[in-house]
Amino acid sequence: LPKFRVGDTVKVTLYLELPKADETKKGKERIQVYQGVIISTHNNENPTNATITVRKMFQGGGIEKVFLLNSPWLKTVEVLTSAKIRRGKLYYLRDRVGKSARLKRLFT
């Protein structure tokens, strides 16, 4: 996994198996892409439990999803852009919509 931090816009690729009605056959498999801003990271004492929370805007509302970094279903995490932030967690983005929910881009 690449180095990422809070405020980065990431593209997370997940591997999904959809259940089949007939249990003798294998279900359908597909790849799902989830793109959004990392609003928090949780690194416990045990690094196998590390998670990131990614928030994306969808149809005027926000959707948050928590990803376990050591999950076998998580294929890739690609960092698209970084933002200049001054907080450890970006929970204040939950209350904002539209232009006020944007982050200042960090050019490196």
N, C-alpha and C. Protein backbone atom coordinates (compact mmCIF):
# COMPACT_ATOMS: atom_id res chain seq x y z
N LEU A 1 0.83 -1.19 0.00
CA LEU A 1 0.00 0.00 0.00
C LEU A 1 0.88 1.25 0.00
N PRO A 2 0.44 2.30 -0.67
CA PRO A 2 1.23 3.53 -0.69
C PRO A 2 1.09 4.30 0.61
N LYS A 3 1.93 5.29 0.78
CA LYS A 3 1.83 6.18 1.95
C LYS A 3 0.69 7.15 1.70
N PHE A 4 -0.25 7.21 2.61
CA PHE A 4 -1.34 8.16 2.51
C PHE A 4 -1.61 8.72 3.89
N ARG A 5 -2.32 9.86 3.91
CA ARG A 5 -2.61 10.52 5.18
C ARG A 5 -3.99 11.16 5.08
N VAL A 6 -4.43 11.70 6.18
CA VAL A 6 -5.74 12.34 6.22
C VAL A 6 -5.73 13.53 5.27
N GLY A 7 -6.79 13.69 4.49
CA GLY A 7 -6.89 14.77 3.51
C GLY A 7 -6.57 14.35 2.10
N ASP A 8 -6.02 13.16 1.91
CA ASP A 8 -5.71 12.67 0.57
C ASP A 8 -7.00 12.19 -0.12
N THR A 9 -7.10 12.46 -1.40
CA THR A 9 -8.17 11.89 -2.20
C THR A 9 -7.65 10.58 -2.78
N VAL A 10 -8.34 9.49 -2.47
CA VAL A 10 -7.86 8.17 -2.86
C VAL A 10 -8.90 7.44 -3.69
N LYS A 11 -8.41 6.48 -4.44
CA LYS A 11 -9.27 5.57 -5.19
C LYS A 11 -9.02 4.17 -4.64
N VAL A 12 -10.03 3.60 -4.00
CA VAL A 12 -9.92 2.29 -3.36
C VAL A 12 -10.60 1.27 -4.25
N THR A 13 -9.88 0.19 -4.56
CA THR A 13 -10.43 -0.87 -5.40
C THR A 13 -10.72 -2.08 -4.53
N LEU A 14 -11.97 -2.52 -4.57
CA LEU A 14 -12.42 -3.67 -3.78
C LEU A 14 -12.80 -4.82 -4.69
N TYR A 15 -12.58 -6.02 -4.20
CA TYR A 15 -12.98 -7.24 -4.90
C TYR A 15 -14.23 -7.76 -4.21
N LEU A 16 -15.30 -7.99 -4.98
CA LEU A 16 -16.57 -8.45 -4.41
C LEU A 16 -16.98 -9.77 -5.03
N GLU A 17 -17.54 -10.63 -4.22
CA GLU A 17 -18.18 -11.85 -4.71
C GLU A 17 -19.65 -11.74 -4.41
N LEU A 18 -20.47 -11.76 -5.45
CA LEU A 18 -21.91 -11.68 -5.28
C LEU A 18 -22.46 -13.09 -5.11
N PRO A 19 -23.34 -13.30 -4.14
CA PRO A 19 -23.86 -14.66 -3.92
C PRO A 19 -24.74 -15.13 -5.06
N LYS A 20 -24.70 -16.42 -5.28
CA LYS A 20 -25.49 -17.06 -6.33
C LYS A 20 -26.70 -17.72 -5.67
N ALA A 21 -27.82 -17.75 -6.37
CA ALA A 21 -29.02 -18.38 -5.82
C ALA A 21 -28.80 -19.88 -5.65
N ASP A 22 -28.12 -20.49 -6.62
CA ASP A 22 -27.81 -21.91 -6.55
C ASP A 22 -26.47 -22.08 -5.84
N GLU A 23 -26.44 -22.80 -4.74
CA GLU A 23 -25.23 -22.88 -3.92
C GLU A 23 -24.17 -23.80 -4.50
N THR A 24 -24.50 -24.57 -5.51
CA THR A 24 -23.51 -25.47 -6.10
C THR A 24 -22.58 -24.72 -7.05
N LYS A 25 -23.05 -23.61 -7.62
CA LYS A 25 -22.24 -22.83 -8.55
C LYS A 25 -21.57 -21.67 -7.82
N LYS A 26 -20.51 -21.19 -8.41
CA LYS A 26 -19.80 -20.07 -7.83
C LYS A 26 -20.52 -18.76 -8.19
N GLY A 27 -20.55 -17.81 -7.26
CA GLY A 27 -21.20 -16.53 -7.50
C GLY A 27 -20.40 -15.65 -8.44
N LYS A 28 -21.00 -14.54 -8.83
CA LYS A 28 -20.33 -13.61 -9.73
C LYS A 28 -19.26 -12.84 -8.97
N GLU A 29 -18.21 -12.48 -9.68
CA GLU A 29 -17.14 -11.69 -9.08
C GLU A 29 -17.04 -10.38 -9.84
N ARG A 30 -16.76 -9.30 -9.10
CA ARG A 30 -16.57 -8.02 -9.76
C ARG A 30 -15.67 -7.14 -8.93
N ILE A 31 -15.18 -6.08 -9.56
CA ILE A 31 -14.32 -5.10 -8.92
C ILE A 31 -15.13 -3.83 -8.73
N GLN A 32 -15.09 -3.26 -7.53
CA GLN A 32 -15.79 -2.01 -7.25
C GLN A 32 -14.78 -0.94 -6.86
N VAL A 33 -14.92 0.25 -7.43
CA VAL A 33 -14.01 1.36 -7.16
C VAL A 33 -14.74 2.38 -6.31
N TYR A 34 -14.11 2.82 -5.23
CA TYR A 34 -14.67 3.80 -4.30
C TYR A 34 -13.68 4.95 -4.20
N GLN A 35 -14.09 6.15 -4.59
CA GLN A 35 -13.19 7.30 -4.62
C GLN A 35 -13.71 8.37 -3.68
N GLY A 36 -12.82 8.88 -2.80
CA GLY A 36 -13.22 9.92 -1.87
C GLY A 36 -12.03 10.43 -1.07
N VAL A 37 -12.33 11.22 -0.04
CA VAL A 37 -11.32 11.86 0.80
C VAL A 37 -11.18 11.06 2.09
N ILE A 38 -9.95 10.83 2.51
CA ILE A 38 -9.70 10.17 3.79
C ILE A 38 -9.97 11.18 4.89
N ILE A 39 -10.97 10.90 5.76
CA ILE A 39 -11.26 11.84 6.84
C ILE A 39 -10.67 11.38 8.16
N SER A 40 -10.29 10.10 8.27
CA SER A 40 -9.64 9.65 9.50
C SER A 40 -8.88 8.35 9.23
N THR A 41 -7.84 8.15 10.03
CA THR A 41 -7.11 6.89 10.04
C THR A 41 -7.08 6.40 11.47
N HIS A 42 -7.16 5.11 11.64
CA HIS A 42 -7.12 4.50 12.96
C HIS A 42 -6.02 3.44 12.96
N ASN A 43 -4.95 3.72 13.67
CA ASN A 43 -3.85 2.78 13.81
C ASN A 43 -3.79 2.36 15.27
N ASN A 44 -4.32 1.20 15.55
CA ASN A 44 -4.33 0.69 16.92
C ASN A 44 -2.94 0.15 17.26
N GLU A 45 -2.78 -0.37 18.49
CA GLU A 45 -1.50 -0.96 18.86
C GLU A 45 -1.15 -2.11 17.93
N ASN A 46 -2.16 -2.82 17.49
CA ASN A 46 -1.96 -3.93 16.57
C ASN A 46 -2.14 -3.42 15.14
N PRO A 47 -1.09 -3.34 14.32
CA PRO A 47 -1.24 -2.76 12.98
C PRO A 47 -2.12 -3.58 12.05
N THR A 48 -2.48 -4.80 12.42
CA THR A 48 -3.38 -5.57 11.56
C THR A 48 -4.80 -5.04 11.62
N ASN A 49 -5.12 -4.21 12.62
CA ASN A 49 -6.46 -3.65 12.75
C ASN A 49 -6.56 -2.23 12.20
N ALA A 50 -5.57 -1.77 11.45
CA ALA A 50 -5.56 -0.39 10.95
C ALA A 50 -6.68 -0.19 9.94
N THR A 51 -7.38 0.94 10.06
CA THR A 51 -8.48 1.26 9.16
C THR A 51 -8.36 2.70 8.67
N ILE A 52 -9.02 2.97 7.55
CA ILE A 52 -9.19 4.34 7.07
C ILE A 52 -10.67 4.56 6.81
N THR A 53 -11.13 5.78 7.02
CA THR A 53 -12.50 6.16 6.73
C THR A 53 -12.48 7.09 5.53
N VAL A 54 -13.18 6.71 4.47
CA VAL A 54 -13.20 7.48 3.22
C VAL A 54 -14.60 8.03 3.02
N ARG A 55 -14.68 9.34 2.72
CA ARG A 55 -15.96 10.01 2.51
C ARG A 55 -16.05 10.50 1.07
N LYS A 56 -17.18 10.22 0.44
CA LYS A 56 -17.42 10.74 -0.91
C LYS A 56 -18.79 11.38 -0.95
N MET A 57 -18.93 12.32 -1.87
CA MET A 57 -20.22 12.99 -2.07
C MET A 57 -20.98 12.25 -3.17
N PHE A 58 -22.24 11.97 -2.90
CA PHE A 58 -23.06 11.24 -3.86
C PHE A 58 -24.47 11.79 -3.81
N GLN A 59 -24.96 12.32 -4.91
CA GLN A 59 -26.31 12.86 -5.05
C GLN A 59 -26.65 13.86 -3.96
N GLY A 60 -25.72 14.76 -3.68
CA GLY A 60 -25.96 15.81 -2.71
C GLY A 60 -25.75 15.41 -1.26
N GLY A 61 -25.48 14.15 -0.99
CA GLY A 61 -25.24 13.69 0.38
C GLY A 61 -23.89 13.02 0.46
N GLY A 62 -23.41 12.86 1.67
CA GLY A 62 -22.11 12.22 1.87
C GLY A 62 -22.26 10.77 2.26
N ILE A 63 -21.34 9.96 1.78
CA ILE A 63 -21.31 8.53 2.13
C ILE A 63 -19.92 8.24 2.68
N GLU A 64 -19.88 7.61 3.84
CA GLU A 64 -18.61 7.24 4.45
C GLU A 64 -18.50 5.72 4.51
N LYS A 65 -17.29 5.25 4.29
CA LYS A 65 -17.05 3.82 4.35
C LYS A 65 -15.73 3.58 5.06
N VAL A 66 -15.70 2.59 5.92
CA VAL A 66 -14.49 2.24 6.68
C VAL A 66 -13.86 1.03 6.01
N PHE A 67 -12.57 1.14 5.70
CA PHE A 67 -11.84 0.06 5.04
C PHE A 67 -10.77 -0.48 5.98
N LEU A 68 -10.74 -1.79 6.14
CA LEU A 68 -9.69 -2.46 6.88
C LEU A 68 -8.51 -2.65 5.94
N LEU A 69 -7.35 -2.11 6.31
CA LEU A 69 -6.23 -2.07 5.38
C LEU A 69 -5.63 -3.44 5.09
N ASN A 70 -5.77 -4.38 6.00
CA ASN A 70 -5.22 -5.71 5.78
C ASN A 70 -6.26 -6.71 5.31
N SER A 71 -7.35 -6.23 4.75
CA SER A 71 -8.40 -7.10 4.28
C SER A 71 -7.99 -7.77 2.97
N PRO A 72 -8.31 -9.04 2.79
CA PRO A 72 -8.00 -9.69 1.51
C PRO A 72 -8.88 -9.17 0.37
N TRP A 73 -9.98 -8.50 0.67
CA TRP A 73 -10.86 -7.96 -0.35
C TRP A 73 -10.37 -6.63 -0.89
N LEU A 74 -9.49 -5.98 -0.19
CA LEU A 74 -8.94 -4.69 -0.62
C LEU A 74 -7.80 -4.93 -1.59
N LYS A 75 -7.97 -4.53 -2.84
CA LYS A 75 -6.95 -4.78 -3.85
C LYS A 75 -5.91 -3.68 -3.91
N THR A 76 -6.35 -2.44 -4.17
CA THR A 76 -5.39 -1.34 -4.29
C THR A 76 -5.95 -0.08 -3.63
N VAL A 77 -5.04 0.78 -3.19
CA VAL A 77 -5.37 2.12 -2.72
C VAL A 77 -4.44 3.06 -3.48
N GLU A 78 -5.02 3.91 -4.33
CA GLU A 78 -4.23 4.81 -5.16
C GLU A 78 -4.48 6.25 -4.71
N VAL A 79 -3.42 6.99 -4.40
CA VAL A 79 -3.55 8.38 -3.98
C VAL A 79 -3.61 9.25 -5.23
N LEU A 80 -4.71 10.01 -5.36
CA LEU A 80 -4.90 10.88 -6.52
C LEU A 80 -4.36 12.29 -6.25
N THR A 81 -4.82 12.92 -5.16
CA THR A 81 -4.35 14.25 -4.80
C THR A 81 -4.18 14.33 -3.29
N SER A 82 -3.45 15.33 -2.84
CA SER A 82 -3.28 15.59 -1.42
C SER A 82 -3.80 16.98 -1.11
N ALA A 83 -4.19 17.20 0.13
CA ALA A 83 -4.72 18.49 0.55
C ALA A 83 -3.93 19.02 1.74
N LYS A 84 -3.90 20.34 1.84
CA LYS A 84 -3.24 20.99 2.97
C LYS A 84 -4.25 21.06 4.11
N ILE A 85 -3.97 20.34 5.18
CA ILE A 85 -4.90 20.29 6.30
C ILE A 85 -4.15 20.60 7.59
N ARG A 86 -4.90 21.00 8.61
CA ARG A 86 -4.30 21.34 9.89
C ARG A 86 -4.96 20.58 11.03
N ARG A 87 -5.64 19.52 10.73
CA ARG A 87 -6.32 18.71 11.73
C ARG A 87 -5.92 17.25 11.56
N GLY A 88 -6.09 16.48 12.62
CA GLY A 88 -5.81 15.05 12.55
C GLY A 88 -6.97 14.26 12.00
N LYS A 89 -8.19 14.74 12.25
CA LYS A 89 -9.41 14.11 11.74
C LYS A 89 -10.25 15.19 11.07
N LEU A 90 -10.91 14.84 10.00
CA LEU A 90 -11.69 15.82 9.24
C LEU A 90 -13.19 15.58 9.40
N TYR A 91 -13.62 15.36 10.64
CA TYR A 91 -15.03 15.11 10.89
C TYR A 91 -15.90 16.33 10.62
N TYR A 92 -15.31 17.52 10.60
CA TYR A 92 -16.10 18.72 10.34
C TYR A 92 -16.65 18.74 8.91
N LEU A 93 -16.11 17.91 8.02
CA LEU A 93 -16.63 17.85 6.65
C LEU A 93 -18.03 17.25 6.60
N ARG A 94 -18.43 16.56 7.66
CA ARG A 94 -19.77 15.96 7.69
C ARG A 94 -20.86 17.02 7.69
N ASP A 95 -20.57 18.17 8.28
CA ASP A 95 -21.57 19.22 8.38
C ASP A 95 -21.58 20.14 7.17
N ARG A 96 -20.66 19.97 6.25
CA ARG A 96 -20.52 20.90 5.14
C ARG A 96 -20.95 20.26 3.82
N VAL A 97 -21.51 21.10 2.97
CA VAL A 97 -21.90 20.65 1.62
C VAL A 97 -21.46 21.72 0.63
N GLY A 98 -21.31 21.33 -0.60
CA GLY A 98 -20.97 22.28 -1.65
C GLY A 98 -19.53 22.75 -1.59
N LYS A 99 -19.34 24.04 -1.88
CA LYS A 99 -17.99 24.58 -1.96
C LYS A 99 -17.29 24.63 -0.61
N SER A 100 -18.03 24.73 0.47
CA SER A 100 -17.40 24.79 1.79
C SER A 100 -16.79 23.46 2.20
N ALA A 101 -17.14 22.39 1.50
CA ALA A 101 -16.60 21.06 1.82
C ALA A 101 -15.32 20.77 1.05
N ARG A 102 -14.85 21.74 0.26
CA ARG A 102 -13.61 21.51 -0.51
C ARG A 102 -12.41 21.70 0.38
N LEU A 103 -11.32 21.04 0.02
CA LEU A 103 -10.05 21.17 0.73
C LEU A 103 -9.04 21.85 -0.17
N LYS A 104 -8.12 22.60 0.43
CA LYS A 104 -7.10 23.28 -0.34
C LYS A 104 -6.08 22.27 -0.83
N ARG A 105 -5.83 22.27 -2.12
CA ARG A 105 -4.94 21.28 -2.72
C ARG A 105 -3.47 21.56 -2.38
N LEU A 106 -2.72 20.51 -2.13
CA LEU A 106 -1.32 20.61 -1.80
C LEU A 106 -0.51 20.22 -3.04
N PHE A 107 0.29 21.15 -3.55
CA PHE A 107 1.12 20.88 -4.71
C PHE A 107 2.52 20.54 -4.25
N THR A 108 3.02 19.39 -4.65
CA THR A 108 4.39 19.00 -4.26
C THR A 108 5.28 18.85 -5.45
